[in-house]
């Protein structure tokens, strides 16, 4: 989603390989989503007024649940010395916030609010490296509330993807996470000037297997009037 689920933990700085300019760089089901323009094309738009609507399908065992999800830019907030965009995600009747900032190097998550409680990371989590390019990879570690998470991400390339909102040329990004709740693997598709258009996520552990698919239904760009895409 524009701002769907993500790592809610304290991260260590991410390291990257093969990324364009070579610079170093509640829900599990609330997507790894969206966004300020970075310098190499805005694949995570964060302008005031941006809003994304998604269709979501959650599968657990033989049970399939369909829900709507919405992400919107809800203001700004300073985290330490960094001014972040506030992304509000509403999913399954619950709301959460993420504090996100973008630079020419990428899109970073600095913290958020979950269950009415603010949290911040010791170092930001790198969600998307700019400029996106096939083969670009990064990894890092995160910890929060006594738990730790390791994550690895890679841009697999650019491809066309069909969703209810239409067809988009999007960069496909894979991410793997090792968490106390189990192993998580996801694929996200980011389109220029729109952001997240699709996400597939699967979490497995000894007790359950959960799969989530989220597809863009509509996107309203920022600006005085807003423009649907």
C-alpha atoms as a PDB file:
ATOM      1  CA  UNK A   1       0.000   0.000   0.000  1.00  0.00           C
ATOM      2  CA  UNK A   2       1.004   3.502  -0.008  1.00  0.00           C
ATOM      3  CA  UNK A   3       2.083   2.709   3.386  1.00  0.00           C
ATOM      4  CA  UNK A   4       1.229  -0.872   4.127  1.00  0.00           C
ATOM      5  CA  UNK A   5       2.974  -3.158   6.803  1.00  0.00           C
ATOM      6  CA  UNK A   6       6.582  -2.931   7.698  1.00  0.00           C
ATOM      7  CA  UNK A   7       9.304  -3.693  10.209  1.00  0.00           C
ATOM      8  CA  UNK A   8       8.289  -2.199  13.517  1.00  0.00           C
ATOM      9  CA  UNK A   9      11.605  -2.659  15.250  1.00  0.00           C
ATOM     10  CA  UNK A  10      14.881  -0.843  16.044  1.00  0.00           C
ATOM     11  CA  UNK A  11      17.223  -1.326  13.072  1.00  0.00           C
ATOM     12  CA  UNK A  12      20.916  -1.286  12.514  1.00  0.00           C
ATOM     13  CA  UNK A  13      22.220   0.627   9.494  1.00  0.00           C
ATOM     14  CA  UNK A  14      21.534  -1.180   6.233  1.00  0.00           C
ATOM     15  CA  UNK A  15      24.320  -2.206   3.873  1.00  0.00           C
ATOM     16  CA  UNK A  16      23.778  -2.280   0.125  1.00  0.00           C
ATOM     17  CA  UNK A  17      25.255  -3.837  -2.989  1.00  0.00           C
ATOM     18  CA  UNK A  18      24.737  -3.280  -6.682  1.00  0.00           C
ATOM     19  CA  UNK A  19      22.431  -0.292  -6.229  1.00  0.00           C
ATOM     20  CA  UNK A  20      22.518   2.155  -9.097  1.00  0.00           C
ATOM     21  CA  UNK A  21      24.928   4.841  -7.849  1.00  0.00           C
ATOM     22  CA  UNK A  22      26.628   2.376  -5.447  1.00  0.00           C
ATOM     23  CA  UNK A  23      25.979   4.500  -2.352  1.00  0.00           C
ATOM     24  CA  UNK A  24      26.320   2.794   1.048  1.00  0.00           C
ATOM     25  CA  UNK A  25      23.561   2.897   2.336  1.00  0.00           C
ATOM     26  CA  UNK A  26      -0.402  -4.339  13.303  1.00  0.00           C
ATOM     27  CA  UNK A  27       0.038  -6.202  12.237  1.00  0.00           C
ATOM     28  CA  UNK A  28       2.200  -8.191  10.036  1.00  0.00           C
ATOM     29  CA  UNK A  29      -0.613  -7.846   7.574  1.00  0.00           C
ATOM     30  CA  UNK A  30      -0.467  -4.052   7.365  1.00  0.00           C
ATOM     31  CA  UNK A  31       1.770  -3.846   4.291  1.00  0.00           C
ATOM     32  CA  UNK A  32       5.397  -2.809   3.847  1.00  0.00           C
ATOM     33  CA  UNK A  33       4.226   0.346   2.223  1.00  0.00           C
ATOM     34  CA  UNK A  34       4.548   4.484   1.045  1.00  0.00           C
ATOM     35  CA  UNK A  35       5.874   8.816   0.402  1.00  0.00           C
ATOM     36  CA  UNK A  36       8.774  12.581  -0.314  1.00  0.00           C
ATOM     37  CA  UNK A  37      10.264  12.242  -3.677  1.00  0.00           C
ATOM     38  CA  UNK A  38      13.722  10.790  -3.734  1.00  0.00           C
ATOM     39  CA  UNK A  39      15.937  12.255  -6.483  1.00  0.00           C
ATOM     40  CA  UNK A  40      15.753   9.508  -9.058  1.00  0.00           C
ATOM     41  CA  UNK A  41      12.092   9.225  -9.786  1.00  0.00           C
ATOM     42  CA  UNK A  42       9.401   9.141  -7.150  1.00  0.00           C
ATOM     43  CA  UNK A  43       8.496   5.533  -6.458  1.00  0.00           C
ATOM     44  CA  UNK A  44       7.252   6.374  -2.970  1.00  0.00           C
ATOM     45  CA  UNK A  45       5.271   9.677  -3.284  1.00  0.00           C
ATOM     46  CA  UNK A  46       4.776  11.523   0.001  1.00  0.00           C
ATOM     47  CA  UNK A  47       3.088  14.766  -1.026  1.00  0.00           C
ATOM     48  CA  UNK A  48       0.268  16.245   1.038  1.00  0.00           C
ATOM     49  CA  UNK A  49      -3.052  14.850  -0.159  1.00  0.00           C
ATOM     50  CA  UNK A  50      -1.730  11.528  -1.462  1.00  0.00           C
ATOM     51  CA  UNK A  51      -4.042   8.602  -0.689  1.00  0.00           C
ATOM     52  CA  UNK A  52      -4.149   4.961  -1.752  1.00  0.00           C
ATOM     53  CA  UNK A  53      -7.052   2.476  -1.658  1.00  0.00           C
ATOM     54  CA  UNK A  54      -6.304  -1.262  -1.747  1.00  0.00           C
ATOM     55  CA  UNK A  55      -8.151  -4.568  -1.992  1.00  0.00           C
ATOM     56  CA  UNK A  56      -6.637  -7.079   0.433  1.00  0.00           C
ATOM     57  CA  UNK A  57      -7.010 -10.846   0.732  1.00  0.00           C
ATOM     58  CA  UNK A  58      -5.757 -12.699   3.827  1.00  0.00           C
ATOM     59  CA  UNK A  59      -5.524 -16.510   3.692  1.00  0.00           C
ATOM     60  CA  UNK A  60      -4.969 -18.592   6.836  1.00  0.00           C
ATOM     61  CA  UNK A  61      -5.418 -22.311   6.388  1.00  0.00           C
ATOM     62  CA  UNK A  62      -8.713 -22.790   4.558  1.00  0.00           C
ATOM     63  CA  UNK A  63     -10.055 -19.418   5.627  1.00  0.00           C
ATOM     64  CA  UNK A  64      -9.986 -16.510   3.173  1.00  0.00           C
ATOM     65  CA  UNK A  65     -10.870 -12.993   4.302  1.00  0.00           C
ATOM     66  CA  UNK A  66     -11.304 -10.007   1.995  1.00  0.00           C
ATOM     67  CA  UNK A  67     -10.852  -6.493   3.334  1.00  0.00           C
ATOM     68  CA  UNK A  68     -10.244  -2.939   2.213  1.00  0.00           C
ATOM     69  CA  UNK A  69      -7.159  -0.989   3.158  1.00  0.00           C
ATOM     70  CA  UNK A  70      -6.456   2.715   2.934  1.00  0.00           C
ATOM     71  CA  UNK A  71      -3.218   4.666   3.258  1.00  0.00           C
ATOM     72  CA  UNK A  72      -2.970   8.437   3.306  1.00  0.00           C
ATOM     73  CA  UNK A  73      -0.456  11.172   3.982  1.00  0.00           C
ATOM     74  CA  UNK A  74      -1.610  12.520   7.359  1.00  0.00           C
ATOM     75  CA  UNK A  75       0.897  15.290   8.088  1.00  0.00           C
ATOM     76  CA  UNK A  76       4.478  15.677   9.226  1.00  0.00           C
ATOM     77  CA  UNK A  77       6.342  14.842  12.423  1.00  0.00           C
ATOM     78  CA  UNK A  78       9.891  15.364  13.547  1.00  0.00           C
ATOM     79  CA  UNK A  79      11.735  12.266  14.731  1.00  0.00           C
ATOM     80  CA  UNK A  80      14.987  13.405  16.287  1.00  0.00           C
ATOM     81  CA  UNK A  81      16.392  15.896  13.787  1.00  0.00           C
ATOM     82  CA  UNK A  82      14.571  14.395  10.807  1.00  0.00           C
ATOM     83  CA  UNK A  83      11.270  15.751   9.491  1.00  0.00           C
ATOM     84  CA  UNK A  84       9.149  12.772   8.477  1.00  0.00           C
ATOM     85  CA  UNK A  85       5.939  12.309   6.569  1.00  0.00           C
ATOM     86  CA  UNK A  86       3.170  10.647   8.618  1.00  0.00           C
ATOM     87  CA  UNK A  87       1.460   7.796   6.785  1.00  0.00           C
ATOM     88  CA  UNK A  88      -1.815   6.542   8.263  1.00  0.00           C
ATOM     89  CA  UNK A  89      -2.886   3.010   7.352  1.00  0.00           C
ATOM     90  CA  UNK A  90      -6.429   1.766   8.073  1.00  0.00           C
ATOM     91  CA  UNK A  91      -6.814  -1.986   7.688  1.00  0.00           C
ATOM     92  CA  UNK A  92      -9.265  -4.464   9.185  1.00  0.00           C
ATOM     93  CA  UNK A  93     -10.842  -1.772  11.356  1.00  0.00           C
ATOM     94  CA  UNK A  94      -7.546  -0.721  12.946  1.00  0.00           C
ATOM     95  CA  UNK A  95      -5.285   2.240  12.246  1.00  0.00           C
ATOM     96  CA  UNK A  96      -1.537   2.651  12.573  1.00  0.00           C
ATOM     97  CA  UNK A  97       1.001   5.328  11.682  1.00  0.00           C
ATOM     98  CA  UNK A  98       4.443   5.269  10.137  1.00  0.00           C
ATOM     99  CA  UNK A  99       6.995   8.075  10.131  1.00  0.00           C
ATOM    100  CA  UNK A 100       8.779   8.014   6.784  1.00  0.00           C
ATOM    101  CA  UNK A 101      11.343  10.203   5.059  1.00  0.00           C
ATOM    102  CA  UNK A 102      12.915  10.080   1.623  1.00  0.00           C
ATOM    103  CA  UNK A 103      16.186  11.328   0.211  1.00  0.00           C
ATOM    104  CA  UNK A 104      18.084  10.790  -3.056  1.00  0.00           C
ATOM    105  CA  UNK A 105      19.477   7.637  -1.404  1.00  0.00           C
ATOM    106  CA  UNK A 106      16.137   5.995  -0.646  1.00  0.00           C
ATOM    107  CA  UNK A 107      13.027   5.752   1.517  1.00  0.00           C
ATOM    108  CA  UNK A 108      13.522   5.298   5.254  1.00  0.00           C
ATOM    109  CA  UNK A 109      11.177   4.356   8.126  1.00  0.00           C
ATOM    110  CA  UNK A 110      12.045   6.155  11.371  1.00  0.00           C
ATOM    111  CA  UNK A 111       9.232   4.887  13.597  1.00  0.00           C
ATOM    112  CA  UNK A 112       5.479   5.082  13.988  1.00  0.00           C
ATOM    113  CA  UNK A 113       2.498   4.612  16.270  1.00  0.00           C
ATOM    114  CA  UNK A 114       0.801   1.288  16.960  1.00  0.00           C
ATOM    115  CA  UNK A 115      -1.903   0.626  19.542  1.00  0.00           C
ATOM    116  CA  UNK A 116      -1.783   4.294  20.551  1.00  0.00           C
ATOM    117  CA  UNK A 117       1.913   4.125  21.465  1.00  0.00           C
ATOM    118  CA  UNK A 118       4.688   5.930  19.599  1.00  0.00           C
ATOM    119  CA  UNK A 119       7.928   4.122  18.863  1.00  0.00           C
ATOM    120  CA  UNK A 120      11.137   5.101  17.111  1.00  0.00           C
ATOM    121  CA  UNK A 121      14.104   3.182  15.768  1.00  0.00           C
ATOM    122  CA  UNK A 122      17.701   3.592  16.854  1.00  0.00           C
ATOM    123  CA  UNK A 123      18.493   3.901  13.158  1.00  0.00           C
ATOM    124  CA  UNK A 124      16.045   4.110  10.238  1.00  0.00           C
ATOM    125  CA  UNK A 125      15.021   1.039   8.248  1.00  0.00           C
ATOM    126  CA  UNK A 126      15.743   1.263   4.534  1.00  0.00           C
ATOM    127  CA  UNK A 127      12.552   0.305   2.699  1.00  0.00           C
ATOM    128  CA  UNK A 128      13.524   1.159  -0.856  1.00  0.00           C
ATOM    129  CA  UNK A 129      16.927   2.091  -2.254  1.00  0.00           C
ATOM    130  CA  UNK A 130      17.145   4.861  -4.877  1.00  0.00           C
ATOM    131  CA  UNK A 131      17.577   4.690  -7.735  1.00  0.00           C
ATOM    132  CA  UNK A 132      15.840   1.308  -8.112  1.00  0.00           C
ATOM    133  CA  UNK A 133      17.735  -0.973 -10.477  1.00  0.00           C
ATOM    134  CA  UNK A 134      17.763  -4.711 -11.149  1.00  0.00           C
ATOM    135  CA  UNK A 135      20.253  -6.419  -8.842  1.00  0.00           C
ATOM    136  CA  UNK A 136      20.297  -3.659  -6.223  1.00  0.00           C
ATOM    137  CA  UNK A 137      20.389  -5.361  -2.786  1.00  0.00           C
ATOM    138  CA  UNK A 138      20.526  -4.267   0.831  1.00  0.00           C
ATOM    139  CA  UNK A 139      20.279  -5.848   4.273  1.00  0.00           C
ATOM    140  CA  UNK A 140      20.142  -4.857   7.908  1.00  0.00           C
ATOM    141  CA  UNK A 141      19.183  -5.797  11.431  1.00  0.00           C
ATOM    142  CA  UNK A 142      16.485  -4.442  13.706  1.00  0.00           C
ATOM    143  CA  UNK A 143      15.393  -4.843  17.294  1.00  0.00           C
ATOM    144  CA  UNK A 144      12.434  -3.642  19.323  1.00  0.00           C
ATOM    145  CA  UNK A 145      10.990  -4.546  22.722  1.00  0.00           C
ATOM    146  CA  UNK A 146      13.649  -7.170  23.278  1.00  0.00           C
ATOM    147  CA  UNK A 147      13.163  -8.854  19.910  1.00  0.00           C
ATOM    148  CA  UNK A 148      15.406  -8.848  16.874  1.00  0.00           C
ATOM    149  CA  UNK A 149      14.802  -9.039  13.144  1.00  0.00           C
ATOM    150  CA  UNK A 150      17.173  -9.554  10.255  1.00  0.00           C
ATOM    151  CA  UNK A 151      16.072  -8.460   6.790  1.00  0.00           C
ATOM    152  CA  UNK A 152      17.412  -8.798   3.253  1.00  0.00           C
ATOM    153  CA  UNK A 153      15.985  -7.044   0.184  1.00  0.00           C
ATOM    154  CA  UNK A 154      16.699  -7.025  -3.544  1.00  0.00           C
ATOM    155  CA  UNK A 155      15.304  -5.342  -6.656  1.00  0.00           C
ATOM    156  CA  UNK A 156      14.474  -8.201  -9.031  1.00  0.00           C
ATOM    157  CA  UNK A 157      13.761  -6.015 -12.052  1.00  0.00           C
ATOM    158  CA  UNK A 158      10.986  -4.070 -13.767  1.00  0.00           C
ATOM    159  CA  UNK A 159       7.803  -5.711 -15.079  1.00  0.00           C
ATOM    160  CA  UNK A 160       4.171  -4.959 -15.960  1.00  0.00           C
ATOM    161  CA  UNK A 161       1.621  -5.734 -13.254  1.00  0.00           C
ATOM    162  CA  UNK A 162      -2.194  -5.688 -13.496  1.00  0.00           C
ATOM    163  CA  UNK A 163      -4.274  -4.525 -10.509  1.00  0.00           C
ATOM    164  CA  UNK A 164      -7.829  -3.114 -10.176  1.00  0.00           C
ATOM    165  CA  UNK A 165      -6.436   0.402 -10.694  1.00  0.00           C
ATOM    166  CA  UNK A 166      -4.928  -0.590 -14.045  1.00  0.00           C
ATOM    167  CA  UNK A 167      -1.653  -1.795 -15.536  1.00  0.00           C
ATOM    168  CA  UNK A 168       1.644  -0.402 -14.295  1.00  0.00           C
ATOM    169  CA  UNK A 169       5.299  -0.801 -15.118  1.00  0.00           C
ATOM    170  CA  UNK A 170       6.781  -1.415 -11.680  1.00  0.00           C
ATOM    171  CA  UNK A 171       9.998  -2.471  -9.990  1.00  0.00           C
ATOM    172  CA  UNK A 172       9.586  -5.766  -8.125  1.00  0.00           C
ATOM    173  CA  UNK A 173      11.356  -5.871  -4.754  1.00  0.00           C
ATOM    174  CA  UNK A 174      11.800  -9.022  -2.678  1.00  0.00           C
ATOM    175  CA  UNK A 175      12.323  -8.936   1.085  1.00  0.00           C
ATOM    176  CA  UNK A 176      13.006 -11.731   3.548  1.00  0.00           C
ATOM    177  CA  UNK A 177      12.750 -11.297   7.316  1.00  0.00           C
ATOM    178  CA  UNK A 178      13.600 -13.570  10.224  1.00  0.00           C
ATOM    179  CA  UNK A 179      11.332 -12.591  13.113  1.00  0.00           C
ATOM    180  CA  UNK A 180      10.265 -14.062  16.479  1.00  0.00           C
ATOM    181  CA  UNK A 181       6.826 -14.642  14.895  1.00  0.00           C
ATOM    182  CA  UNK A 182       8.328 -16.695  12.079  1.00  0.00           C
ATOM    183  CA  UNK A 183       9.918 -16.305   8.693  1.00  0.00           C
ATOM    184  CA  UNK A 184       8.427 -13.646   6.420  1.00  0.00           C
ATOM    185  CA  UNK A 185       8.864 -13.304   2.691  1.00  0.00           C
ATOM    186  CA  UNK A 186       7.320 -10.572   0.581  1.00  0.00           C
ATOM    187  CA  UNK A 187       7.277  -9.108  -2.909  1.00  0.00           C
ATOM    188  CA  UNK A 188       6.374  -5.452  -3.500  1.00  0.00           C
ATOM    189  CA  UNK A 189       5.787  -3.714  -6.824  1.00  0.00           C
ATOM    190  CA  UNK A 190       6.536   0.033  -6.939  1.00  0.00           C
ATOM    191  CA  UNK A 191       5.444   2.226  -9.871  1.00  0.00           C
ATOM    192  CA  UNK A 192       6.822   5.666 -10.669  1.00  0.00           C
ATOM    193  CA  UNK A 193       4.709   8.553  -9.325  1.00  0.00           C
ATOM    194  CA  UNK A 194       2.261   6.111  -7.668  1.00  0.00           C
ATOM    195  CA  UNK A 195       4.209   4.024  -5.165  1.00  0.00           C
ATOM    196  CA  UNK A 196       3.167   0.576  -4.017  1.00  0.00           C
ATOM    197  CA  UNK A 197       0.715  -0.989  -6.492  1.00  0.00           C
ATOM    198  CA  UNK A 198       0.859  -4.600  -5.282  1.00  0.00           C
ATOM    199  CA  UNK A 199       2.239  -6.661  -2.414  1.00  0.00           C
ATOM    200  CA  UNK A 200       2.334 -10.357  -1.660  1.00  0.00           C
ATOM    201  CA  UNK A 201       3.463 -11.504   1.789  1.00  0.00           C
ATOM    202  CA  UNK A 202       3.729 -14.878   3.484  1.00  0.00           C
ATOM    203  CA  UNK A 203       4.542 -15.625   7.117  1.00  0.00           C
ATOM    204  CA  UNK A 204       5.247 -19.166   8.279  1.00  0.00           C
ATOM    205  CA  UNK A 205       5.969 -20.653  11.687  1.00  0.00           C
ATOM    206  CA  UNK A 206       5.352 -23.874  13.567  1.00  0.00           C
ATOM    207  CA  UNK A 207       1.746 -22.935  14.401  1.00  0.00           C
ATOM    208  CA  UNK A 208       0.351 -21.183  11.343  1.00  0.00           C
ATOM    209  CA  UNK A 209       0.784 -20.102   7.774  1.00  0.00           C
ATOM    210  CA  UNK A 210      -0.569 -16.693   6.716  1.00  0.00           C
ATOM    211  CA  UNK A 211      -0.623 -15.239   3.212  1.00  0.00           C
ATOM    212  CA  UNK A 212      -1.548 -11.669   2.289  1.00  0.00           C
ATOM    213  CA  UNK A 213      -2.122 -10.133  -1.153  1.00  0.00           C
ATOM    214  CA  UNK A 214      -2.791  -6.427  -1.566  1.00  0.00           C
ATOM    215  CA  UNK A 215      -3.641  -4.725  -4.878  1.00  0.00           C
ATOM    216  CA  UNK A 216      -4.103  -1.042  -5.643  1.00  0.00           C
ATOM    217  CA  UNK A 217      -7.709  -0.017  -6.280  1.00  0.00           C
ATOM    218  CA  UNK A 218      -7.159   3.731  -6.660  1.00  0.00           C
ATOM    219  CA  UNK A 219      -4.559   6.422  -6.066  1.00  0.00           C
ATOM    220  CA  UNK A 220      -5.130  10.146  -5.510  1.00  0.00           C
ATOM    221  CA  UNK A 221      -2.050  12.272  -6.047  1.00  0.00           C
ATOM    222  CA  UNK A 222      -1.195  15.192  -3.801  1.00  0.00           C
ATOM    223  CA  UNK A 223      -1.965  18.769  -4.758  1.00  0.00           C
ATOM    224  CA  UNK A 224      -4.831  21.243  -4.325  1.00  0.00           C
ATOM    225  CA  UNK A 225      -7.325  19.217  -6.359  1.00  0.00           C
ATOM    226  CA  UNK A 226      -5.782  15.778  -6.220  1.00  0.00           C
ATOM    227  CA  UNK A 227      -5.645  13.557  -9.264  1.00  0.00           C
ATOM    228  CA  UNK A 228      -6.818   9.955  -9.502  1.00  0.00           C
ATOM    229  CA  UNK A 229      -4.567   7.493 -11.297  1.00  0.00           C
END
